[in-house]
Amino acid sequence: MIKYFMSKSIKQRGLIGILFCIFLFAFGYFFVLNYVSILEDPPLGNTVYILLGSTFSIVSIVGILVILKYLYDYKKKKERKERRRKKHKLFYLKDLKKNNESL
């Protein structure tokens, strides 16, 4: 399963991560906070489910922000690398010898 995700491009992995975070947020907020924690007598108590649902929600929001920041930084890094590559001029030793002999 990990090899499958690692074979994808950066944008596809970011999209998969964002979709997972959205699913985690929906699970934590709608199911745990709004359904299980409101039940009359849940197995572990209401407080545990409130903390668990809040934790899922906050972790998923932070995960989305981290993924978006990584994708933005990756794009900027790629642009910087491309600019540096364009500035770099290749020269060959044969051309250098010809220029020195003509002087």
PDB file of N, CA and C in Angstrom:
ATOM      1  N   MET A   1       0.826  -1.189   0.000  1.00  0.00           N
ATOM      2  CA  MET A   1       0.000   0.000   0.000  1.00  0.00           C
ATOM      3  C   MET A   1       0.869   1.251   0.000  1.00  0.00           C
ATOM      4  N   ILE A   2       1.949   1.237   0.777  1.00  0.00           N
ATOM      5  CA  ILE A   2       2.839   2.402   0.835  1.00  0.00           C
ATOM      6  C   ILE A   2       3.528   2.601  -0.508  1.00  0.00           C
ATOM      7  N   LYS A   3       3.936   1.498  -1.168  1.00  0.00           N
ATOM      8  CA  LYS A   3       4.577   1.624  -2.474  1.00  0.00           C
ATOM      9  C   LYS A   3       3.625   2.245  -3.490  1.00  0.00           C
ATOM     10  N   TYR A   4       2.339   1.939  -3.373  1.00  0.00           N
ATOM     11  CA  TYR A   4       1.353   2.518  -4.281  1.00  0.00           C
ATOM     12  C   TYR A   4       1.286   4.030  -4.115  1.00  0.00           C
ATOM     13  N   PHE A   5       1.246   4.505  -2.871  1.00  0.00           N
ATOM     14  CA  PHE A   5       1.173   5.945  -2.631  1.00  0.00           C
ATOM     15  C   PHE A   5       2.478   6.646  -3.002  1.00  0.00           C
ATOM     16  N   MET A   6       3.611   5.988  -2.774  1.00  0.00           N
ATOM     17  CA  MET A   6       4.888   6.625  -3.076  1.00  0.00           C
ATOM     18  C   MET A   6       5.145   6.678  -4.581  1.00  0.00           C
ATOM     19  N   SER A   7       4.467   5.837  -5.365  1.00  0.00           N
ATOM     20  CA  SER A   7       4.662   5.867  -6.806  1.00  0.00           C
ATOM     21  C   SER A   7       3.889   7.015  -7.460  1.00  0.00           C
ATOM     22  N   LYS A   8       2.994   7.625  -6.746  1.00  0.00           N
ATOM     23  CA  LYS A   8       2.210   8.738  -7.275  1.00  0.00           C
ATOM     24  C   LYS A   8       3.045  10.014  -7.278  1.00  0.00           C
ATOM     25  N   SER A   9       2.603  10.982  -8.057  1.00  0.00           N
ATOM     26  CA  SER A   9       3.310  12.264  -8.078  1.00  0.00           C
ATOM     27  C   SER A   9       2.991  13.046  -6.804  1.00  0.00           C
ATOM     28  N   ILE A  10       3.717  14.152  -6.610  1.00  0.00           N
ATOM     29  CA  ILE A  10       3.561  14.949  -5.391  1.00  0.00           C
ATOM     30  C   ILE A  10       2.129  15.492  -5.289  1.00  0.00           C
ATOM     31  N   LYS A  11       1.597  15.972  -6.388  1.00  0.00           N
ATOM     32  CA  LYS A  11       0.247  16.545  -6.361  1.00  0.00           C
ATOM     33  C   LYS A  11      -0.801  15.482  -6.041  1.00  0.00           C
ATOM     34  N   GLN A  12      -0.630  14.289  -6.594  1.00  0.00           N
ATOM     35  CA  GLN A  12      -1.590  13.221  -6.316  1.00  0.00           C
ATOM     36  C   GLN A  12      -1.523  12.769  -4.867  1.00  0.00           C
ATOM     37  N   ARG A  13      -0.304  12.678  -4.321  1.00  0.00           N
ATOM     38  CA  ARG A  13      -0.176  12.310  -2.910  1.00  0.00           C
ATOM     39  C   ARG A  13      -0.776  13.387  -2.014  1.00  0.00           C
ATOM     40  N   GLY A  14      -0.588  14.648  -2.387  1.00  0.00           N
ATOM     41  CA  GLY A  14      -1.185  15.737  -1.623  1.00  0.00           C
ATOM     42  C   GLY A  14      -2.700  15.675  -1.653  1.00  0.00           C
ATOM     43  N   LEU A  15      -3.256  15.369  -2.819  1.00  0.00           N
ATOM     44  CA  LEU A  15      -4.710  15.255  -2.947  1.00  0.00           C
ATOM     45  C   LEU A  15      -5.250  14.096  -2.122  1.00  0.00           C
ATOM     46  N   ILE A  16      -4.543  12.969  -2.134  1.00  0.00           N
ATOM     47  CA  ILE A  16      -4.958  11.823  -1.333  1.00  0.00           C
ATOM     48  C   ILE A  16      -4.919  12.175   0.152  1.00  0.00           C
ATOM     49  N   GLY A  17      -3.868  12.878   0.573  1.00  0.00           N
ATOM     50  CA  GLY A  17      -3.747  13.294   1.970  1.00  0.00           C
ATOM     51  C   GLY A  17      -4.850  14.264   2.373  1.00  0.00           C
ATOM     52  N   ILE A  18      -5.178  15.205   1.493  1.00  0.00           N
ATOM     53  CA  ILE A  18      -6.251  16.161   1.793  1.00  0.00           C
ATOM     54  C   ILE A  18      -7.593  15.449   1.880  1.00  0.00           C
ATOM     55  N   LEU A  19      -7.837  14.509   0.978  1.00  0.00           N
ATOM     56  CA  LEU A  19      -9.094  13.746   1.041  1.00  0.00           C
ATOM     57  C   LEU A  19      -9.171  12.926   2.337  1.00  0.00           C
ATOM     58  N   PHE A  20      -8.051  12.346   2.748  1.00  0.00           N
ATOM     59  CA  PHE A  20      -8.041  11.606   4.006  1.00  0.00           C
ATOM     60  C   PHE A  20      -8.325  12.525   5.189  1.00  0.00           C
ATOM     61  N   CYS A  21      -7.749  13.725   5.172  1.00  0.00           N
ATOM     62  CA  CYS A  21      -7.979  14.686   6.256  1.00  0.00           C
ATOM     63  C   CYS A  21      -9.440  15.144   6.280  1.00  0.00           C
ATOM     64  N   ILE A  22     -10.038  15.322   5.119  1.00  0.00           N
ATOM     65  CA  ILE A  22     -11.455  15.697   5.065  1.00  0.00           C
ATOM     66  C   ILE A  22     -12.323  14.570   5.629  1.00  0.00           C
ATOM     67  N   PHE A  23     -11.980  13.328   5.269  1.00  0.00           N
ATOM     68  CA  PHE A  23     -12.712  12.186   5.819  1.00  0.00           C
ATOM     69  C   PHE A  23     -12.551  12.113   7.336  1.00  0.00           C
ATOM     70  N   LEU A  24     -11.333  12.347   7.832  1.00  0.00           N
ATOM     71  CA  LEU A  24     -11.078  12.323   9.269  1.00  0.00           C
ATOM     72  C   LEU A  24     -11.850  13.428   9.981  1.00  0.00           C
ATOM     73  N   PHE A  25     -11.902  14.610   9.375  1.00  0.00           N
ATOM     74  CA  PHE A  25     -12.661  15.711   9.957  1.00  0.00           C
ATOM     75  C   PHE A  25     -14.154  15.367  10.018  1.00  0.00           C
ATOM     76  N   ALA A  26     -14.692  14.835   8.916  1.00  0.00           N
ATOM     77  CA  ALA A  26     -16.108  14.473   8.887  1.00  0.00           C
ATOM     78  C   ALA A  26     -16.414  13.399   9.927  1.00  0.00           C
ATOM     79  N   PHE A  27     -15.544  12.406  10.042  1.00  0.00           N
ATOM     80  CA  PHE A  27     -15.745  11.352  11.037  1.00  0.00           C
ATOM     81  C   PHE A  27     -15.701  11.921  12.449  1.00  0.00           C
ATOM     82  N   GLY A  28     -14.697  12.739  12.727  1.00  0.00           N
ATOM     83  CA  GLY A  28     -14.544  13.287  14.077  1.00  0.00           C
ATOM     84  C   GLY A  28     -15.638  14.255  14.456  1.00  0.00           C
ATOM     85  N   TYR A  29     -16.031  15.089  13.512  1.00  0.00           N
ATOM     86  CA  TYR A  29     -17.008  16.118  13.840  1.00  0.00           C
ATOM     87  C   TYR A  29     -18.441  15.577  13.825  1.00  0.00           C
ATOM     88  N   PHE A  30     -18.817  14.964  12.712  1.00  0.00           N
ATOM     89  CA  PHE A  30     -20.210  14.551  12.583  1.00  0.00           C
ATOM     90  C   PHE A  30     -20.536  13.281  13.368  1.00  0.00           C
ATOM     91  N   PHE A  31     -19.676  12.263  13.267  1.00  0.00           N
ATOM     92  CA  PHE A  31     -20.015  11.004  13.926  1.00  0.00           C
ATOM     93  C   PHE A  31     -19.692  11.035  15.420  1.00  0.00           C
ATOM     94  N   VAL A  32     -18.457  11.388  15.758  1.00  0.00           N
ATOM     95  CA  VAL A  32     -18.048  11.308  17.165  1.00  0.00           C
ATOM     96  C   VAL A  32     -18.646  12.451  17.983  1.00  0.00           C
ATOM     97  N   LEU A  33     -18.494  13.690  17.508  1.00  0.00           N
ATOM     98  CA  LEU A  33     -18.981  14.827  18.302  1.00  0.00           C
ATOM     99  C   LEU A  33     -20.503  14.961  18.280  1.00  0.00           C
ATOM    100  N   ASN A  34     -21.098  14.859  17.112  1.00  0.00           N
ATOM    101  CA  ASN A  34     -22.533  15.130  17.013  1.00  0.00           C
ATOM    102  C   ASN A  34     -23.423  13.906  17.213  1.00  0.00           C
ATOM    103  N   TYR A  35     -22.863  12.713  17.143  1.00  0.00           N
ATOM    104  CA  TYR A  35     -23.713  11.545  17.324  1.00  0.00           C
ATOM    105  C   TYR A  35     -23.378  10.774  18.601  1.00  0.00           C
ATOM    106  N   VAL A  36     -22.154  10.309  18.729  1.00  0.00           N
ATOM    107  CA  VAL A  36     -21.792   9.430  19.848  1.00  0.00           C
ATOM    108  C   VAL A  36     -21.756  10.202  21.171  1.00  0.00           C
ATOM    109  N   SER A  37     -21.210  11.413  21.163  1.00  0.00           N
ATOM    110  CA  SER A  37     -21.085  12.135  22.432  1.00  0.00           C
ATOM    111  C   SER A  37     -22.428  12.630  22.969  1.00  0.00           C
ATOM    112  N   ILE A  38     -23.448  12.643  22.144  1.00  0.00           N
ATOM    113  CA  ILE A  38     -24.768  13.089  22.586  1.00  0.00           C
ATOM    114  C   ILE A  38     -25.614  11.926  23.129  1.00  0.00           C
ATOM    115  N   LEU A  39     -25.181  10.700  22.908  1.00  0.00           N
ATOM    116  CA  LEU A  39     -25.940   9.550  23.388  1.00  0.00           C
ATOM    117  C   LEU A  39     -26.139   9.623  24.898  1.00  0.00           C
ATOM    118  N   GLU A  40     -27.157   8.933  25.366  1.00  0.00           N
ATOM    119  CA  GLU A  40     -27.519   8.979  26.788  1.00  0.00           C
ATOM    120  C   GLU A  40     -26.403   8.448  27.684  1.00  0.00           C
ATOM    121  N   ASP A  41     -25.891   7.263  27.372  1.00  0.00           N
ATOM    122  CA  ASP A  41     -24.860   6.668  28.219  1.00  0.00           C
ATOM    123  C   ASP A  41     -23.852   5.921  27.334  1.00  0.00           C
ATOM    124  N   PRO A  42     -22.893   6.647  26.694  1.00  0.00           N
ATOM    125  CA  PRO A  42     -21.897   5.956  25.862  1.00  0.00           C
ATOM    126  C   PRO A  42     -20.949   5.129  26.730  1.00  0.00           C
ATOM    127  N   PRO A  43     -20.311   4.109  26.164  1.00  0.00           N
ATOM    128  CA  PRO A  43     -19.489   3.184  26.946  1.00  0.00           C
ATOM    129  C   PRO A  43     -18.364   3.835  27.760  1.00  0.00           C
ATOM    130  N   LEU A  44     -17.637   4.772  27.203  1.00  0.00           N
ATOM    131  CA  LEU A  44     -16.507   5.367  27.929  1.00  0.00           C
ATOM    132  C   LEU A  44     -16.854   6.697  28.578  1.00  0.00           C
ATOM    133  N   GLY A  45     -18.024   7.183  28.361  1.00  0.00           N
ATOM    134  CA  GLY A  45     -18.420   8.476  28.915  1.00  0.00           C
ATOM    135  C   GLY A  45     -18.403   9.549  27.840  1.00  0.00           C
ATOM    136  N   ASN A  46     -19.195  10.574  28.056  1.00  0.00           N
ATOM    137  CA  ASN A  46     -19.328  11.637  27.058  1.00  0.00           C
ATOM    138  C   ASN A  46     -18.043  12.438  26.876  1.00  0.00           C
ATOM    139  N   THR A  47     -17.331  12.671  27.948  1.00  0.00           N
ATOM    140  CA  THR A  47     -16.137  13.513  27.883  1.00  0.00           C
ATOM    141  C   THR A  47     -15.076  12.916  26.975  1.00  0.00           C
ATOM    142  N   VAL A  48     -14.895  11.614  27.031  1.00  0.00           N
ATOM    143  CA  VAL A  48     -13.894  10.948  26.195  1.00  0.00           C
ATOM    144  C   VAL A  48     -14.223  11.151  24.721  1.00  0.00           C
ATOM    145  N   TYR A  49     -15.481  11.008  24.359  1.00  0.00           N
ATOM    146  CA  TYR A  49     -15.878  11.160  22.966  1.00  0.00           C
ATOM    147  C   TYR A  49     -15.818  12.624  22.504  1.00  0.00           C
ATOM    148  N   ILE A  50     -16.087  13.545  23.397  1.00  0.00           N
ATOM    149  CA  ILE A  50     -15.941  14.959  23.041  1.00  0.00           C
ATOM    150  C   ILE A  50     -14.474  15.279  22.774  1.00  0.00           C
ATOM    151  N   LEU A  51     -13.587  14.813  23.644  1.00  0.00           N
ATOM    152  CA  LEU A  51     -12.153  15.032  23.438  1.00  0.00           C
ATOM    153  C   LEU A  51     -11.647  14.328  22.171  1.00  0.00           C
ATOM    154  N   LEU A  52     -12.118  13.118  21.931  1.00  0.00           N
ATOM    155  CA  LEU A  52     -11.703  12.356  20.762  1.00  0.00           C
ATOM    156  C   LEU A  52     -12.168  13.033  19.466  1.00  0.00           C
ATOM    157  N   GLY A  53     -13.420  13.470  19.435  1.00  0.00           N
ATOM    158  CA  GLY A  53     -13.945  14.150  18.241  1.00  0.00           C
ATOM    159  C   GLY A  53     -13.247  15.473  17.991  1.00  0.00           C
ATOM    160  N   SER A  54     -12.977  16.214  19.039  1.00  0.00           N
ATOM    161  CA  SER A  54     -12.259  17.486  18.891  1.00  0.00           C
ATOM    162  C   SER A  54     -10.833  17.255  18.402  1.00  0.00           C
ATOM    163  N   THR A  55     -10.197  16.222  18.921  1.00  0.00           N
ATOM    164  CA  THR A  55      -8.839  15.901  18.499  1.00  0.00           C
ATOM    165  C   THR A  55      -8.798  15.517  17.022  1.00  0.00           C
ATOM    166  N   PHE A  56      -9.728  14.676  16.584  1.00  0.00           N
ATOM    167  CA  PHE A  56      -9.798  14.310  15.168  1.00  0.00           C
ATOM    168  C   PHE A  56      -9.988  15.541  14.291  1.00  0.00           C
ATOM    169  N   SER A  57     -10.865  16.422  14.703  1.00  0.00           N
ATOM    170  CA  SER A  57     -11.144  17.617  13.912  1.00  0.00           C
ATOM    171  C   SER A  57      -9.924  18.526  13.823  1.00  0.00           C
ATOM    172  N   ILE A  58      -9.286  18.773  14.937  1.00  0.00           N
ATOM    173  CA  ILE A  58      -8.132  19.679  14.946  1.00  0.00           C
ATOM    174  C   ILE A  58      -6.954  19.072  14.194  1.00  0.00           C
ATOM    175  N   VAL A  59      -6.702  17.786  14.372  1.00  0.00           N
ATOM    176  CA  VAL A  59      -5.589  17.135  13.677  1.00  0.00           C
ATOM    177  C   VAL A  59      -5.815  17.157  12.164  1.00  0.00           C
ATOM    178  N   SER A  60      -7.047  16.961  11.732  1.00  0.00           N
ATOM    179  CA  SER A  60      -7.307  16.978  10.296  1.00  0.00           C
ATOM    180  C   SER A  60      -7.137  18.377   9.710  1.00  0.00           C
ATOM    181  N   ILE A  61      -7.536  19.417  10.436  1.00  0.00           N
ATOM    182  CA  ILE A  61      -7.349  20.788   9.951  1.00  0.00           C
ATOM    183  C   ILE A  61      -5.860  21.123   9.868  1.00  0.00           C
ATOM    184  N   VAL A  62      -5.105  20.743  10.888  1.00  0.00           N
ATOM    185  CA  VAL A  62      -3.659  20.978  10.867  1.00  0.00           C
ATOM    186  C   VAL A  62      -3.010  20.177   9.739  1.00  0.00           C
ATOM    187  N   GLY A  63      -3.485  18.958   9.509  1.00  0.00           N
ATOM    188  CA  GLY A  63      -2.958  18.134   8.416  1.00  0.00           C
ATOM    189  C   GLY A  63      -3.181  18.776   7.058  1.00  0.00           C
ATOM    190  N   ILE A  64      -4.364  19.331   6.839  1.00  0.00           N
ATOM    191  CA  ILE A  64      -4.648  20.011   5.574  1.00  0.00           C
ATOM    192  C   ILE A  64      -3.725  21.210   5.406  1.00  0.00           C
ATOM    193  N   LEU A  65      -3.531  21.985   6.468  1.00  0.00           N
ATOM    194  CA  LEU A  65      -2.655  23.155   6.377  1.00  0.00           C
ATOM    195  C   LEU A  65      -1.211  22.753   6.080  1.00  0.00           C
ATOM    196  N   VAL A  66      -0.730  21.699   6.712  1.00  0.00           N
ATOM    197  CA  VAL A  66       0.642  21.243   6.483  1.00  0.00           C
ATOM    198  C   VAL A  66       0.816  20.735   5.053  1.00  0.00           C
ATOM    199  N   ILE A  67      -0.157  20.000   4.556  1.00  0.00           N
ATOM    200  CA  ILE A  67      -0.072  19.484   3.187  1.00  0.00           C
ATOM    201  C   ILE A  67      -0.085  20.634   2.181  1.00  0.00           C
ATOM    202  N   LEU A  68      -0.966  21.610   2.376  1.00  0.00           N
ATOM    203  CA  LEU A  68      -1.010  22.754   1.462  1.00  0.00           C
ATOM    204  C   LEU A  68       0.294  23.549   1.505  1.00  0.00           C
ATOM    205  N   LYS A  69       0.852  23.722   2.695  1.00  0.00           N
ATOM    206  CA  LYS A  69       2.131  24.432   2.814  1.00  0.00           C
ATOM    207  C   LYS A  69       3.234  23.661   2.108  1.00  0.00           C
ATOM    208  N   TYR A  70       3.252  22.343   2.252  1.00  0.00           N
ATOM    209  CA  TYR A  70       4.269  21.523   1.595  1.00  0.00           C
ATOM    210  C   TYR A  70       4.143  21.618   0.078  1.00  0.00           C
ATOM    211  N   LEU A  71       2.916  21.545  -0.432  1.00  0.00           N
ATOM    212  CA  LEU A  71       2.721  21.629  -1.880  1.00  0.00           C
ATOM    213  C   LEU A  71       3.134  22.997  -2.403  1.00  0.00           C
ATOM    214  N   TYR A  72       2.825  24.064  -1.658  1.00  0.00           N
ATOM    215  CA  TYR A  72       3.208  25.407  -2.074  1.00  0.00           C
ATOM    216  C   TYR A  72       4.724  25.569  -2.042  1.00  0.00           C
ATOM    217  N   ASP A  73       5.372  25.069  -0.988  1.00  0.00           N
ATOM    218  CA  ASP A  73       6.830  25.150  -0.887  1.00  0.00           C
ATOM    219  C   ASP A  73       7.504  24.323  -1.974  1.00  0.00           C
ATOM    220  N   TYR A  74       6.936  23.171  -2.306  1.00  0.00           N
ATOM    221  CA  TYR A  74       7.492  22.322  -3.351  1.00  0.00           C
ATOM    222  C   TYR A  74       7.433  23.040  -4.694  1.00  0.00           C
ATOM    223  N   LYS A  75       6.322  23.728  -4.939  1.00  0.00           N
ATOM    224  CA  LYS A  75       6.168  24.470  -6.193  1.00  0.00           C
ATOM    225  C   LYS A  75       7.199  25.596  -6.267  1.00  0.00           C
ATOM    226  N   LYS A  76       7.380  26.340  -5.156  1.00  0.00           N
ATOM    227  CA  LYS A  76       8.349  27.425  -5.123  1.00  0.00           C
ATOM    228  C   LYS A  76       9.775  26.881  -5.295  1.00  0.00           C
ATOM    229  N   LYS A  77      10.065  25.757  -4.655  1.00  0.00           N
ATOM    230  CA  LYS A  77      11.392  25.156  -4.754  1.00  0.00           C
ATOM    231  C   LYS A  77      11.677  24.723  -6.192  1.00  0.00           C
ATOM    232  N   LYS A  78      10.682  24.175  -6.842  1.00  0.00           N
ATOM    233  CA  LYS A  78      10.832  23.738  -8.225  1.00  0.00           C
ATOM    234  C   LYS A  78      11.074  24.938  -9.143  1.00  0.00           C
ATOM    235  N   GLU A  79      10.356  26.039  -8.911  1.00  0.00           N
ATOM    236  CA  GLU A  79      10.561  27.241  -9.716  1.00  0.00           C
ATOM    237  C   GLU A  79      11.962  27.810  -9.500  1.00  0.00           C
ATOM    238  N   ARG A  80      12.434  27.853  -8.248  1.00  0.00           N
ATOM    239  CA  ARG A  80      13.771  28.347  -7.944  1.00  0.00           C
ATOM    240  C   ARG A  80      14.842  27.496  -8.620  1.00  0.00           C
ATOM    241  N   LYS A  81      14.645  26.197  -8.583  1.00  0.00           N
ATOM    242  CA  LYS A  81      15.598  25.281  -9.210  1.00  0.00           C
ATOM    243  C   LYS A  81      15.630  25.513 -10.722  1.00  0.00           C
ATOM    244  N   GLU A  82      14.488  25.735 -11.318  1.00  0.00           N
ATOM    245  CA  GLU A  82      14.414  25.996 -12.754  1.00  0.00           C
ATOM    246  C   GLU A  82      15.106  27.314 -13.106  1.00  0.00           C
ATOM    247  N   ARG A  83      14.925  28.343 -12.290  1.00  0.00           N
ATOM    248  CA  ARG A  83      15.589  29.625 -12.536  1.00  0.00           C
ATOM    249  C   ARG A  83      17.108  29.476 -12.439  1.00  0.00           C
ATOM    250  N   ARG A  84      17.578  28.737 -11.438  1.00  0.00           N
ATOM    251  CA  ARG A  84      19.012  28.509 -11.289  1.00  0.00           C
ATOM    252  C   ARG A  84      19.573  27.733 -12.473  1.00  0.00           C
ATOM    253  N   ARG A  85      18.797  26.775 -12.961  1.00  0.00           N
ATOM    254  CA  ARG A  85      19.243  25.973 -14.097  1.00  0.00           C
ATOM    255  C   ARG A  85      19.377  26.841 -15.346  1.00  0.00           C
ATOM    256  N   LYS A  86      18.460  27.774 -15.539  1.00  0.00           N
ATOM    257  CA  LYS A  86      18.517  28.641 -16.711  1.00  0.00           C
ATOM    258  C   LYS A  86      19.690  29.613 -16.634  1.00  0.00           C
ATOM    259  N   LYS A  87      20.071  30.034 -15.440  1.00  0.00           N
ATOM    260  CA  LYS A  87      21.192  30.962 -15.286  1.00  0.00           C
ATOM    261  C   LYS A  87      22.534  30.274 -15.511  1.00  0.00           C
ATOM    262  N   HIS A  88      22.585  28.997 -15.263  1.00  0.00           N
ATOM    263  CA  HIS A  88      23.847  28.267 -15.367  1.00  0.00           C
ATOM    264  C   HIS A  88      24.182  28.055 -16.837  1.00  0.00           C
ATOM    265  N   LYS A  89      25.363  28.512 -17.243  1.00  0.00           N
ATOM    266  CA  LYS A  89      25.785  28.370 -18.628  1.00  0.00           C
ATOM    267  C   LYS A  89      26.827  27.274 -18.702  1.00  0.00           C
ATOM    268  N   LEU A  90      26.603  26.342 -19.600  1.00  0.00           N
ATOM    269  CA  LEU A  90      27.547  25.247 -19.778  1.00  0.00           C
ATOM    270  C   LEU A  90      28.658  25.677 -20.729  1.00  0.00           C
ATOM    271  N   PHE A  91      29.853  25.263 -20.431  1.00  0.00           N
ATOM    272  CA  PHE A  91      30.958  25.478 -21.364  1.00  0.00           C
ATOM    273  C   PHE A  91      31.795  24.213 -21.382  1.00  0.00           C
ATOM    274  N   TYR A  92      32.412  23.996 -22.517  1.00  0.00           N
ATOM    275  CA  TYR A  92      33.190  22.786 -22.700  1.00  0.00           C
ATOM    276  C   TYR A  92      34.664  23.153 -22.793  1.00  0.00           C
ATOM    277  N   LEU A  93      35.519  22.250 -22.394  1.00  0.00           N
ATOM    278  CA  LEU A  93      36.950  22.513 -22.405  1.00  0.00           C
ATOM    279  C   LEU A  93      37.478  22.700 -23.820  1.00  0.00           C
ATOM    280  N   LYS A  94      36.892  22.020 -24.782  1.00  0.00           N
ATOM    281  CA  LYS A  94      37.328  22.183 -26.170  1.00  0.00           C
ATOM    282  C   LYS A  94      37.136  23.627 -26.615  1.00  0.00           C
ATOM    283  N   ASP A  95      36.000  24.201 -26.275  1.00  0.00           N
ATOM    284  CA  ASP A  95      35.740  25.593 -26.639  1.00  0.00           C
ATOM    285  C   ASP A  95      36.706  26.526 -25.920  1.00  0.00           C
ATOM    286  N   LEU A  96      37.058  26.216 -24.712  1.00  0.00           N
ATOM    287  CA  LEU A  96      37.974  27.044 -23.936  1.00  0.00           C
ATOM    288  C   LEU A  96      39.377  27.021 -24.555  1.00  0.00           C
ATOM    289  N   LYS A  97      39.811  25.844 -25.019  1.00  0.00           N
ATOM    290  CA  LYS A  97      41.124  25.722 -25.666  1.00  0.00           C
ATOM    291  C   LYS A  97      41.177  26.521 -26.972  1.00  0.00           C
ATOM    292  N   LYS A  98      40.104  26.481 -27.739  1.00  0.00           N
ATOM    293  CA  LYS A  98      40.056  27.220 -28.993  1.00  0.00           C
ATOM    294  C   LYS A  98      40.149  28.717 -28.735  1.00  0.00           C
ATOM    295  N   ASN A  99      39.469  29.185 -27.709  1.00  0.00           N
ATOM    296  CA  ASN A  99      39.514  30.619 -27.386  1.00  0.00           C
ATOM    297  C   ASN A  99      40.901  31.038 -26.910  1.00  0.00           C
ATOM    298  N   ASN A 100      41.589  30.199 -26.155  1.00  0.00           N
ATOM    299  CA  ASN A 100      42.923  30.519 -25.664  1.00  0.00           C
ATOM    300  C   ASN A 100      43.954  30.521 -26.802  1.00  0.00           C
ATOM    301  N   GLU A 101      43.812  29.604 -27.767  1.00  0.00           N
ATOM    302  CA  GLU A 101      44.740  29.539 -28.888  1.00  0.00           C
ATOM    303  C   GLU A 101      44.599  30.741 -29.808  1.00  0.00           C
ATOM    304  N   SER A 102      43.392  31.228 -29.965  1.00  0.00           N
ATOM    305  CA  SER A 102      43.160  32.372 -30.846  1.00  0.00           C
ATOM    306  C   SER A 102      43.700  33.662 -30.240  1.00  0.00           C
ATOM    307  N   LEU A 103      43.877  33.704 -28.944  1.00  0.00           N
ATOM    308  CA  LEU A 103      44.402  34.916 -28.293  1.00  0.00           C
ATOM    309  C   LEU A 103      45.874  34.939 -28.488  1.00  0.00           C
TER     310      LEU A 103
END
